[in-house]
Amino acid sequence: NLALAFPFWVYARFPQLPGALSTSILVVWVVAFVLNYAL
């Protein structure tokens, strides 16, 4: 759940992220969401 909240914190703190970084954060969020759902 901390991993799920992290991207929201990053986007709130740094709204002008480069595309590659925002894509990697989205991947982390999707993986964390699936793990949370499975658990």
PDB file of all heavy atoms in Angstrom:
ATOM      1  N   ASN A   1       0.820  -1.212   0.000  1.00  0.00           N
ATOM      2  CA  ASN A   1       0.000   0.000   0.000  1.00  0.00           C
ATOM      3  C   ASN A   1       0.852   1.260   0.000  1.00  0.00           C
ATOM      4  O   ASN A   1       0.460   2.273  -0.576  1.00  0.00           O
ATOM      5  CB  ASN A   1      -0.984  -0.007   1.162  1.00  0.00           C
ATOM      6  CG  ASN A   1      -2.140  -0.937   0.899  1.00  0.00           C
ATOM      7  OD1 ASN A   1      -2.689  -0.951  -0.194  1.00  0.00           O
ATOM      8  ND2 ASN A   1      -2.499  -1.736   1.881  1.00  0.00           N
ATOM      9  N   LEU A   2       2.013   1.210   0.619  1.00  0.00           N
ATOM     10  CA  LEU A   2       2.941   2.335   0.495  1.00  0.00           C
ATOM     11  C   LEU A   2       3.414   2.486  -0.945  1.00  0.00           C
ATOM     12  O   LEU A   2       3.557   3.604  -1.446  1.00  0.00           O
ATOM     13  CB  LEU A   2       4.130   2.155   1.438  1.00  0.00           C
ATOM     14  CG  LEU A   2       3.832   2.345   2.919  1.00  0.00           C
ATOM     15  CD1 LEU A   2       5.065   2.010   3.759  1.00  0.00           C
ATOM     16  CD2 LEU A   2       3.357   3.758   3.196  1.00  0.00           C
ATOM     17  N   ALA A   3       3.641   1.354  -1.612  1.00  0.00           N
ATOM     18  CA  ALA A   3       4.024   1.410  -3.027  1.00  0.00           C
ATOM     19  C   ALA A   3       2.879   1.953  -3.883  1.00  0.00           C
ATOM     20  O   ALA A   3       3.116   2.620  -4.886  1.00  0.00           O
ATOM     21  CB  ALA A   3       4.445   0.027  -3.522  1.00  0.00           C
ATOM     22  N   LEU A   4       1.635   1.679  -3.489  1.00  0.00           N
ATOM     23  CA  LEU A   4       0.492   2.238  -4.213  1.00  0.00           C
ATOM     24  C   LEU A   4       0.377   3.743  -3.990  1.00  0.00           C
ATOM     25  O   LEU A   4      -0.028   4.487  -4.887  1.00  0.00           O
ATOM     26  CB  LEU A   4      -0.800   1.563  -3.772  1.00  0.00           C
ATOM     27  CG  LEU A   4      -1.053   0.165  -4.314  1.00  0.00           C
ATOM     28  CD1 LEU A   4      -2.235  -0.463  -3.606  1.00  0.00           C
ATOM     29  CD2 LEU A   4      -1.289   0.201  -5.803  1.00  0.00           C
ATOM     30  N   ALA A   5       0.720   4.220  -2.797  1.00  0.00           N
ATOM     31  CA  ALA A   5       0.613   5.647  -2.492  1.00  0.00           C
ATOM     32  C   ALA A   5       1.795   6.449  -3.044  1.00  0.00           C
ATOM     33  O   ALA A   5       1.657   7.640  -3.312  1.00  0.00           O
ATOM     34  CB  ALA A   5       0.517   5.839  -0.982  1.00  0.00           C
ATOM     35  N   PHE A   6       2.926   5.811  -3.231  1.00  0.00           N
ATOM     36  CA  PHE A   6       4.137   6.514  -3.664  1.00  0.00           C
ATOM     37  C   PHE A   6       3.958   7.285  -4.972  1.00  0.00           C
ATOM     38  O   PHE A   6       4.363   8.449  -5.047  1.00  0.00           O
ATOM     39  CB  PHE A   6       5.302   5.518  -3.761  1.00  0.00           C
ATOM     40  CG  PHE A   6       6.580   6.150  -4.230  1.00  0.00           C
ATOM     41  CD1 PHE A   6       7.283   7.001  -3.394  1.00  0.00           C
ATOM     42  CD2 PHE A   6       7.060   5.900  -5.503  1.00  0.00           C
ATOM     43  CE1 PHE A   6       8.454   7.593  -3.823  1.00  0.00           C
ATOM     44  CE2 PHE A   6       8.228   6.486  -5.942  1.00  0.00           C
ATOM     45  CZ  PHE A   6       8.937   7.336  -5.101  1.00  0.00           C
ATOM     46  N   PRO A   7       3.373   6.695  -6.026  1.00  0.00           N
ATOM     47  CA  PRO A   7       3.225   7.472  -7.266  1.00  0.00           C
ATOM     48  C   PRO A   7       2.390   8.741  -7.091  1.00  0.00           C
ATOM     49  O   PRO A   7       2.686   9.760  -7.708  1.00  0.00           O
ATOM     50  CB  PRO A   7       2.525   6.505  -8.220  1.00  0.00           C
ATOM     51  CG  PRO A   7       2.859   5.164  -7.704  1.00  0.00           C
ATOM     52  CD  PRO A   7       2.968   5.308  -6.220  1.00  0.00           C
ATOM     53  N   PHE A   8       1.363   8.691  -6.246  1.00  0.00           N
ATOM     54  CA  PHE A   8       0.558   9.887  -6.026  1.00  0.00           C
ATOM     55  C   PHE A   8       1.380  10.972  -5.343  1.00  0.00           C
ATOM     56  O   PHE A   8       1.255  12.150  -5.650  1.00  0.00           O
ATOM     57  CB  PHE A   8      -0.688   9.548  -5.207  1.00  0.00           C
ATOM     58  CG  PHE A   8      -1.625   8.639  -5.926  1.00  0.00           C
ATOM     59  CD1 PHE A   8      -1.762   7.322  -5.556  1.00  0.00           C
ATOM     60  CD2 PHE A   8      -2.353   9.105  -7.010  1.00  0.00           C
ATOM     61  CE1 PHE A   8      -2.617   6.483  -6.223  1.00  0.00           C
ATOM     62  CE2 PHE A   8      -3.218   8.279  -7.698  1.00  0.00           C
ATOM     63  CZ  PHE A   8      -3.337   6.958  -7.307  1.00  0.00           C
ATOM     64  N   TRP A   9       2.237  10.583  -4.406  1.00  0.00           N
ATOM     65  CA  TRP A   9       3.117  11.532  -3.740  1.00  0.00           C
ATOM     66  C   TRP A   9       4.099  12.130  -4.742  1.00  0.00           C
ATOM     67  O   TRP A   9       4.326  13.348  -4.736  1.00  0.00           O
ATOM     68  CB  TRP A   9       3.871  10.844  -2.598  1.00  0.00           C
ATOM     69  CG  TRP A   9       4.838  11.762  -1.931  1.00  0.00           C
ATOM     70  CD1 TRP A   9       4.564  12.682  -0.963  1.00  0.00           C
ATOM     71  CD2 TRP A   9       6.237  11.854  -2.183  1.00  0.00           C
ATOM     72  NE1 TRP A   9       5.703  13.341  -0.603  1.00  0.00           N
ATOM     73  CE2 TRP A   9       6.750  12.845  -1.343  1.00  0.00           C
ATOM     74  CE3 TRP A   9       7.102  11.184  -3.044  1.00  0.00           C
ATOM     75  CZ2 TRP A   9       8.090  13.194  -1.335  1.00  0.00           C
ATOM     76  CZ3 TRP A   9       8.434  11.534  -3.031  1.00  0.00           C
ATOM     77  CH2 TRP A   9       8.917  12.532  -2.183  1.00  0.00           C
ATOM     78  N   VAL A  10       4.668  11.282  -5.595  1.00  0.00           N
ATOM     79  CA  VAL A  10       5.635  11.769  -6.585  1.00  0.00           C
ATOM     80  C   VAL A  10       4.980  12.743  -7.549  1.00  0.00           C
ATOM     81  O   VAL A  10       5.526  13.810  -7.844  1.00  0.00           O
ATOM     82  CB  VAL A  10       6.278  10.582  -7.350  1.00  0.00           C
ATOM     83  CG1 VAL A  10       7.079  11.071  -8.546  1.00  0.00           C
ATOM     84  CG2 VAL A  10       7.160   9.774  -6.419  1.00  0.00           C
ATOM     85  N   TYR A  11       3.791  12.405  -8.039  1.00  0.00           N
ATOM     86  CA  TYR A  11       3.115  13.296  -8.982  1.00  0.00           C
ATOM     87  C   TYR A  11       2.689  14.612  -8.320  1.00  0.00           C
ATOM     88  O   TYR A  11       2.684  15.655  -8.957  1.00  0.00           O
ATOM     89  CB  TYR A  11       1.906  12.622  -9.612  1.00  0.00           C
ATOM     90  CG  TYR A  11       2.283  11.691 -10.732  1.00  0.00           C
ATOM     91  CD1 TYR A  11       1.914  10.358 -10.704  1.00  0.00           C
ATOM     92  CD2 TYR A  11       3.030  12.128 -11.819  1.00  0.00           C
ATOM     93  CE1 TYR A  11       2.268   9.492 -11.723  1.00  0.00           C
ATOM     94  CE2 TYR A  11       3.396  11.269 -12.843  1.00  0.00           C
ATOM     95  CZ  TYR A  11       3.002   9.967 -12.781  1.00  0.00           C
ATOM     96  OH  TYR A  11       3.359   9.113 -13.791  1.00  0.00           O
ATOM     97  N   ALA A  12       2.320  14.556  -7.064  1.00  0.00           N
ATOM     98  CA  ALA A  12       1.955  15.788  -6.365  1.00  0.00           C
ATOM     99  C   ALA A  12       3.181  16.666  -6.137  1.00  0.00           C
ATOM    100  O   ALA A  12       3.108  17.891  -6.210  1.00  0.00           O
ATOM    101  CB  ALA A  12       1.285  15.459  -5.037  1.00  0.00           C
ATOM    102  N   ARG A  13       4.294  16.038  -5.885  1.00  0.00           N
ATOM    103  CA  ARG A  13       5.530  16.777  -5.592  1.00  0.00           C
ATOM    104  C   ARG A  13       6.218  17.280  -6.865  1.00  0.00           C
ATOM    105  O   ARG A  13       6.771  18.368  -6.872  1.00  0.00           O
ATOM    106  CB  ARG A  13       6.453  15.841  -4.812  1.00  0.00           C
ATOM    107  CG  ARG A  13       7.704  16.420  -4.370  1.00  0.00           C
ATOM    108  CD  ARG A  13       7.601  16.819  -2.933  1.00  0.00           C
ATOM    109  NE  ARG A  13       8.926  17.225  -2.521  1.00  0.00           N
ATOM    110  CZ  ARG A  13       9.153  18.156  -1.658  1.00  0.00           C
ATOM    111  NH1 ARG A  13       8.158  18.745  -1.080  1.00  0.00           N
ATOM    112  NH2 ARG A  13      10.367  18.491  -1.349  1.00  0.00           N
ATOM    113  N   PHE A  14       6.224  16.441  -7.916  1.00  0.00           N
ATOM    114  CA  PHE A  14       6.912  16.764  -9.172  1.00  0.00           C
ATOM    115  C   PHE A  14       5.952  16.583 -10.349  1.00  0.00           C
ATOM    116  O   PHE A  14       5.978  15.555 -11.016  1.00  0.00           O
ATOM    117  CB  PHE A  14       8.125  15.845  -9.366  1.00  0.00           C
ATOM    118  CG  PHE A  14       9.038  15.788  -8.186  1.00  0.00           C
ATOM    119  CD1 PHE A  14       9.035  14.676  -7.351  1.00  0.00           C
ATOM    120  CD2 PHE A  14       9.882  16.847  -7.892  1.00  0.00           C
ATOM    121  CE1 PHE A  14       9.862  14.613  -6.254  1.00  0.00           C
ATOM    122  CE2 PHE A  14      10.721  16.780  -6.791  1.00  0.00           C
ATOM    123  CZ  PHE A  14      10.713  15.674  -5.963  1.00  0.00           C
ATOM    124  N   PRO A  15       5.107  17.571 -10.628  1.00  0.00           N
ATOM    125  CA  PRO A  15       4.100  17.387 -11.679  1.00  0.00           C
ATOM    126  C   PRO A  15       4.673  17.308 -13.096  1.00  0.00           C
ATOM    127  O   PRO A  15       4.039  16.770 -13.983  1.00  0.00           O
ATOM    128  CB  PRO A  15       3.190  18.609 -11.526  1.00  0.00           C
ATOM    129  CG  PRO A  15       3.937  19.576 -10.703  1.00  0.00           C
ATOM    130  CD  PRO A  15       4.958  18.826  -9.926  1.00  0.00           C
ATOM    131  N   GLN A  16       5.878  17.798 -13.318  1.00  0.00           N
ATOM    132  CA  GLN A  16       6.469  17.809 -14.661  1.00  0.00           C
ATOM    133  C   GLN A  16       7.517  16.704 -14.799  1.00  0.00           C
ATOM    134  O   GLN A  16       8.670  16.957 -15.112  1.00  0.00           O
ATOM    135  CB  GLN A  16       7.104  19.177 -14.946  1.00  0.00           C
ATOM    136  CG  GLN A  16       6.145  20.329 -14.863  1.00  0.00           C
ATOM    137  CD  GLN A  16       5.024  20.221 -15.882  1.00  0.00           C
ATOM    138  OE1 GLN A  16       5.190  19.663 -16.953  1.00  0.00           O
ATOM    139  NE2 GLN A  16       3.863  20.747 -15.526  1.00  0.00           N
ATOM    140  N   LEU A  17       7.119  15.459 -14.583  1.00  0.00           N
ATOM    141  CA  LEU A  17       8.053  14.343 -14.679  1.00  0.00           C
ATOM    142  C   LEU A  17       8.339  13.995 -16.138  1.00  0.00           C
ATOM    143  O   LEU A  17       7.454  14.114 -16.987  1.00  0.00           O
ATOM    144  CB  LEU A  17       7.476  13.107 -13.999  1.00  0.00           C
ATOM    145  CG  LEU A  17       7.501  13.092 -12.489  1.00  0.00           C
ATOM    146  CD1 LEU A  17       6.799  11.855 -11.979  1.00  0.00           C
ATOM    147  CD2 LEU A  17       8.908  13.132 -11.968  1.00  0.00           C
ATOM    148  N   PRO A  18       9.560  13.536 -16.426  1.00  0.00           N
ATOM    149  CA  PRO A  18       9.829  13.034 -17.778  1.00  0.00           C
ATOM    150  C   PRO A  18       8.974  11.807 -18.070  1.00  0.00           C
ATOM    151  O   PRO A  18       8.559  11.084 -17.163  1.00  0.00           O
ATOM    152  CB  PRO A  18      11.311  12.660 -17.744  1.00  0.00           C
ATOM    153  CG  PRO A  18      11.857  13.224 -16.498  1.00  0.00           C
ATOM    154  CD  PRO A  18      10.719  13.527 -15.575  1.00  0.00           C
ATOM    155  N   GLY A  19       8.714  11.544 -19.346  1.00  0.00           N
ATOM    156  CA  GLY A  19       7.830  10.449 -19.748  1.00  0.00           C
ATOM    157  C   GLY A  19       8.293   9.090 -19.279  1.00  0.00           C
ATOM    158  O   GLY A  19       7.505   8.274 -18.832  1.00  0.00           O
ATOM    159  N   ALA A  20       9.601   8.805 -19.368  1.00  0.00           N
ATOM    160  CA  ALA A  20      10.112   7.486 -18.970  1.00  0.00           C
ATOM    161  C   ALA A  20       9.919   7.254 -17.481  1.00  0.00           C
ATOM    162  O   ALA A  20       9.564   6.159 -17.060  1.00  0.00           O
ATOM    163  CB  ALA A  20      11.585   7.365 -19.341  1.00  0.00           C
ATOM    164  N   LEU A  21      10.140   8.282 -16.684  1.00  0.00           N
ATOM    165  CA  LEU A  21       9.981   8.135 -15.240  1.00  0.00           C
ATOM    166  C   LEU A  21       8.512   7.938 -14.877  1.00  0.00           C
ATOM    167  O   LEU A  21       8.184   7.091 -14.046  1.00  0.00           O
ATOM    168  CB  LEU A  21      10.555   9.351 -14.512  1.00  0.00           C
ATOM    169  CG  LEU A  21      10.537   9.283 -12.997  1.00  0.00           C
ATOM    170  CD1 LEU A  21      11.343   8.087 -12.505  1.00  0.00           C
ATOM    171  CD2 LEU A  21      11.077  10.565 -12.413  1.00  0.00           C
ATOM    172  N   SER A  22       7.633   8.672 -15.505  1.00  0.00           N
ATOM    173  CA  SER A  22       6.216   8.504 -15.197  1.00  0.00           C
ATOM    174  C   SER A  22       5.711   7.135 -15.647  1.00  0.00           C
ATOM    175  O   SER A  22       4.868   6.532 -14.992  1.00  0.00           O
ATOM    176  CB  SER A  22       5.389   9.622 -15.820  1.00  0.00           C
ATOM    177  OG  SER A  22       5.492   9.593 -17.212  1.00  0.00           O
ATOM    178  N   THR A  23       6.251   6.601 -16.744  1.00  0.00           N
ATOM    179  CA  THR A  23       5.870   5.252 -17.187  1.00  0.00           C
ATOM    180  C   THR A  23       6.350   4.205 -16.197  1.00  0.00           C
ATOM    181  O   THR A  23       5.619   3.270 -15.870  1.00  0.00           O
ATOM    182  CB  THR A  23       6.453   4.971 -18.581  1.00  0.00           C
ATOM    183  OG1 THR A  23       5.981   5.969 -19.479  1.00  0.00           O
ATOM    184  CG2 THR A  23       6.047   3.601 -19.074  1.00  0.00           C
ATOM    185  N   SER A  24       7.569   4.357 -15.688  1.00  0.00           N
ATOM    186  CA  SER A  24       8.072   3.379 -14.723  1.00  0.00           C
ATOM    187  C   SER A  24       7.285   3.442 -13.415  1.00  0.00           C
ATOM    188  O   SER A  24       7.032   2.419 -12.788  1.00  0.00           O
ATOM    189  CB  SER A  24       9.565   3.593 -14.471  1.00  0.00           C
ATOM    190  OG  SER A  24       9.787   4.861 -13.902  1.00  0.00           O
ATOM    191  N   ILE A  25       6.862   4.621 -13.017  1.00  0.00           N
ATOM    192  CA  ILE A  25       6.039   4.745 -11.815  1.00  0.00           C
ATOM    193  C   ILE A  25       4.685   4.087 -12.035  1.00  0.00           C
ATOM    194  O   ILE A  25       4.151   3.421 -11.143  1.00  0.00           O
ATOM    195  CB  ILE A  25       5.896   6.223 -11.402  1.00  0.00           C
ATOM    196  CG1 ILE A  25       7.231   6.718 -10.838  1.00  0.00           C
ATOM    197  CG2 ILE A  25       4.788   6.415 -10.398  1.00  0.00           C
ATOM    198  CD1 ILE A  25       7.249   8.179 -10.516  1.00  0.00           C
ATOM    199  N   LEU A  26       4.126   4.231 -13.225  1.00  0.00           N
ATOM    200  CA  LEU A  26       2.854   3.581 -13.546  1.00  0.00           C
ATOM    201  C   LEU A  26       2.997   2.063 -13.489  1.00  0.00           C
ATOM    202  O   LEU A  26       2.117   1.367 -12.970  1.00  0.00           O
ATOM    203  CB  LEU A  26       2.362   4.018 -14.921  1.00  0.00           C
ATOM    204  CG  LEU A  26       1.056   3.377 -15.381  1.00  0.00           C
ATOM    205  CD1 LEU A  26      -0.094   3.797 -14.487  1.00  0.00           C
ATOM    206  CD2 LEU A  26       0.777   3.735 -16.826  1.00  0.00           C
ATOM    207  N   VAL A  27       4.106   1.528 -13.967  1.00  0.00           N
ATOM    208  CA  VAL A  27       4.341   0.083 -13.917  1.00  0.00           C
ATOM    209  C   VAL A  27       4.418  -0.388 -12.465  1.00  0.00           C
ATOM    210  O   VAL A  27       3.828  -1.408 -12.101  1.00  0.00           O
ATOM    211  CB  VAL A  27       5.619  -0.292 -14.699  1.00  0.00           C
ATOM    212  CG1 VAL A  27       6.041  -1.716 -14.424  1.00  0.00           C
ATOM    213  CG2 VAL A  27       5.404  -0.063 -16.183  1.00  0.00           C
ATOM    214  N   VAL A  28       5.127   0.368 -11.624  1.00  0.00           N
ATOM    215  CA  VAL A  28       5.218   0.017 -10.205  1.00  0.00           C
ATOM    216  C   VAL A  28       3.821   0.019  -9.578  1.00  0.00           C
ATOM    217  O   VAL A  28       3.468  -0.877  -8.811  1.00  0.00           O
ATOM    218  CB  VAL A  28       6.155   0.989  -9.457  1.00  0.00           C
ATOM    219  CG1 VAL A  28       6.009   0.856  -7.950  1.00  0.00           C
ATOM    220  CG2 VAL A  28       7.583   0.762  -9.884  1.00  0.00           C
ATOM    221  N   TRP A  29       3.005   1.000  -9.924  1.00  0.00           N
ATOM    222  CA  TRP A  29       1.666   1.086  -9.362  1.00  0.00           C
ATOM    223  C   TRP A  29       0.812  -0.090  -9.799  1.00  0.00           C
ATOM    224  O   TRP A  29       0.091  -0.673  -8.981  1.00  0.00           O
ATOM    225  CB  TRP A  29       1.001   2.405  -9.779  1.00  0.00           C
ATOM    226  CG  TRP A  29      -0.258   2.660  -9.020  1.00  0.00           C
ATOM    227  CD1 TRP A  29      -0.368   3.259  -7.809  1.00  0.00           C
ATOM    228  CD2 TRP A  29      -1.577   2.283  -9.399  1.00  0.00           C
ATOM    229  NE1 TRP A  29      -1.692   3.294  -7.416  1.00  0.00           N
ATOM    230  CE2 TRP A  29      -2.454   2.702  -8.376  1.00  0.00           C
ATOM    231  CE3 TRP A  29      -2.119   1.640 -10.507  1.00  0.00           C
ATOM    232  CZ2 TRP A  29      -3.817   2.490  -8.424  1.00  0.00           C
ATOM    233  CZ3 TRP A  29      -3.487   1.426 -10.558  1.00  0.00           C
ATOM    234  CH2 TRP A  29      -4.322   1.861  -9.517  1.00  0.00           C
ATOM    235  N   VAL A  30       0.876  -0.480 -11.056  1.00  0.00           N
ATOM    236  CA  VAL A  30       0.070  -1.607 -11.550  1.00  0.00           C
ATOM    237  C   VAL A  30       0.494  -2.906 -10.867  1.00  0.00           C
ATOM    238  O   VAL A  30      -0.348  -3.702 -10.440  1.00  0.00           O
ATOM    239  CB  VAL A  30       0.163  -1.716 -13.088  1.00  0.00           C
ATOM    240  CG1 VAL A  30      -0.413  -3.028 -13.578  1.00  0.00           C
ATOM    241  CG2 VAL A  30      -0.541  -0.538 -13.740  1.00  0.00           C
ATOM    242  N   VAL A  31       1.800  -3.126 -10.735  1.00  0.00           N
ATOM    243  CA  VAL A  31       2.289  -4.337 -10.064  1.00  0.00           C
ATOM    244  C   VAL A  31       1.836  -4.354  -8.608  1.00  0.00           C
ATOM    245  O   VAL A  31       1.351  -5.381  -8.103  1.00  0.00           O
ATOM    246  CB  VAL A  31       3.824  -4.439 -10.175  1.00  0.00           C
ATOM    247  CG1 VAL A  31       4.376  -5.509  -9.253  1.00  0.00           C
ATOM    248  CG2 VAL A  31       4.234  -4.710 -11.610  1.00  0.00           C
ATOM    249  N   ALA A  32       1.952  -3.236  -7.913  1.00  0.00           N
ATOM    250  CA  ALA A  32       1.540  -3.172  -6.514  1.00  0.00           C
ATOM    251  C   ALA A  32       0.030  -3.386  -6.381  1.00  0.00           C
ATOM    252  O   ALA A  32      -0.425  -4.058  -5.457  1.00  0.00           O
ATOM    253  CB  ALA A  32       1.942  -1.825  -5.906  1.00  0.00           C
ATOM    254  N   PHE A  33      -0.753  -2.861  -7.315  1.00  0.00           N
ATOM    255  CA  PHE A  33      -2.201  -3.051  -7.274  1.00  0.00           C
ATOM    256  C   PHE A  33      -2.565  -4.525  -7.451  1.00  0.00           C
ATOM    257  O   PHE A  33      -3.405  -5.058  -6.728  1.00  0.00           O
ATOM    258  CB  PHE A  33      -2.888  -2.200  -8.348  1.00  0.00           C
ATOM    259  CG  PHE A  33      -4.380  -2.334  -8.347  1.00  0.00           C
ATOM    260  CD1 PHE A  33      -5.137  -1.644  -7.416  1.00  0.00           C
ATOM    261  CD2 PHE A  33      -5.025  -3.165  -9.239  1.00  0.00           C
ATOM    262  CE1 PHE A  33      -6.511  -1.771  -7.393  1.00  0.00           C
ATOM    263  CE2 PHE A  33      -6.398  -3.308  -9.227  1.00  0.00           C
ATOM    264  CZ  PHE A  33      -7.147  -2.603  -8.305  1.00  0.00           C
ATOM    265  N   VAL A  34      -1.923  -5.200  -8.400  1.00  0.00           N
ATOM    266  CA  VAL A  34      -2.215  -6.625  -8.634  1.00  0.00           C
ATOM    267  C   VAL A  34      -1.810  -7.450  -7.411  1.00  0.00           C
ATOM    268  O   VAL A  34      -2.539  -8.358  -7.000  1.00  0.00           O
ATOM    269  CB  VAL A  34      -1.521  -7.118  -9.921  1.00  0.00           C
ATOM    270  CG1 VAL A  34      -1.596  -8.626 -10.041  1.00  0.00           C
ATOM    271  CG2 VAL A  34      -2.136  -6.452 -11.133  1.00  0.00           C
ATOM    272  N   LEU A  35      -0.652  -7.152  -6.814  1.00  0.00           N
ATOM    273  CA  LEU A  35      -0.229  -7.871  -5.608  1.00  0.00           C
ATOM    274  C   LEU A  35      -1.225  -7.649  -4.466  1.00  0.00           C
ATOM    275  O   LEU A  35      -1.567  -8.581  -3.739  1.00  0.00           O
ATOM    276  CB  LEU A  35       1.164  -7.421  -5.182  1.00  0.00           C
ATOM    277  CG  LEU A  35       2.320  -7.839  -6.078  1.00  0.00           C
ATOM    278  CD1 LEU A  35       3.618  -7.250  -5.563  1.00  0.00           C
ATOM    279  CD2 LEU A  35       2.413  -9.341  -6.179  1.00  0.00           C
ATOM    280  N   ASN A  36      -1.691  -6.431  -4.312  1.00  0.00           N
ATOM    281  CA  ASN A  36      -2.651  -6.113  -3.267  1.00  0.00           C
ATOM    282  C   ASN A  36      -3.977  -6.837  -3.506  1.00  0.00           C
ATOM    283  O   ASN A  36      -4.591  -7.366  -2.572  1.00  0.00           O
ATOM    284  CB  ASN A  36      -2.867  -4.600  -3.211  1.00  0.00           C
ATOM    285  CG  ASN A  36      -3.536  -4.164  -1.935  1.00  0.00           C
ATOM    286  OD1 ASN A  36      -3.423  -4.815  -0.911  1.00  0.00           O
ATOM    287  ND2 ASN A  36      -4.220  -3.044  -2.001  1.00  0.00           N
ATOM    288  N   TYR A  37      -4.414  -6.888  -4.745  1.00  0.00           N
ATOM    289  CA  TYR A  37      -5.661  -7.569  -5.092  1.00  0.00           C
ATOM    290  C   TYR A  37      -5.543  -9.076  -4.834  1.00  0.00           C
ATOM    291  O   TYR A  37      -6.451  -9.688  -4.279  1.00  0.00           O
ATOM    292  CB  TYR A  37      -6.013  -7.288  -6.553  1.00  0.00           C
ATOM    293  CG  TYR A  37      -7.425  -7.627  -6.909  1.00  0.00           C
ATOM    294  CD1 TYR A  37      -8.462  -6.756  -6.622  1.00  0.00           C
ATOM    295  CD2 TYR A  37      -7.737  -8.824  -7.534  1.00  0.00           C
ATOM    296  CE1 TYR A  37      -9.770  -7.061  -6.940  1.00  0.00           C
ATOM    297  CE2 TYR A  37      -9.046  -9.140  -7.859  1.00  0.00           C
ATOM    298  CZ  TYR A  37     -10.049  -8.253  -7.563  1.00  0.00           C
ATOM    299  OH  TYR A  37     -11.338  -8.569  -7.869  1.00  0.00           O
ATOM    300  N   ALA A  38      -4.412  -9.668  -5.222  1.00  0.00           N
ATOM    301  CA  ALA A  38      -4.203 -11.103  -5.005  1.00  0.00           C
ATOM    302  C   ALA A  38      -4.164 -11.428  -3.513  1.00  0.00           C
ATOM    303  O   ALA A  38      -4.755 -12.426  -3.068  1.00  0.00           O
ATOM    304  CB  ALA A  38      -2.913 -11.555  -5.680  1.00  0.00           C
ATOM    305  N   LEU A  39      -3.492 -10.604  -2.744  1.00  0.00           N
ATOM    306  CA  LEU A  39      -3.414 -10.823  -1.305  1.00  0.00           C
ATOM    307  C   LEU A  39      -4.792 -10.701  -0.659  1.00  0.00           C
ATOM    308  O   LEU A  39      -5.177 -11.522   0.182  1.00  0.00           O
ATOM    309  CB  LEU A  39      -2.450  -9.819  -0.678  1.00  0.00           C
ATOM    310  CG  LEU A  39      -2.294  -9.880   0.829  1.00  0.00           C
ATOM    311  CD1 LEU A  39      -1.691 -11.211   1.249  1.00  0.00           C
ATOM    312  CD2 LEU A  39      -1.462  -8.726   1.316  1.00  0.00           C
TER     313      LEU A  39
END
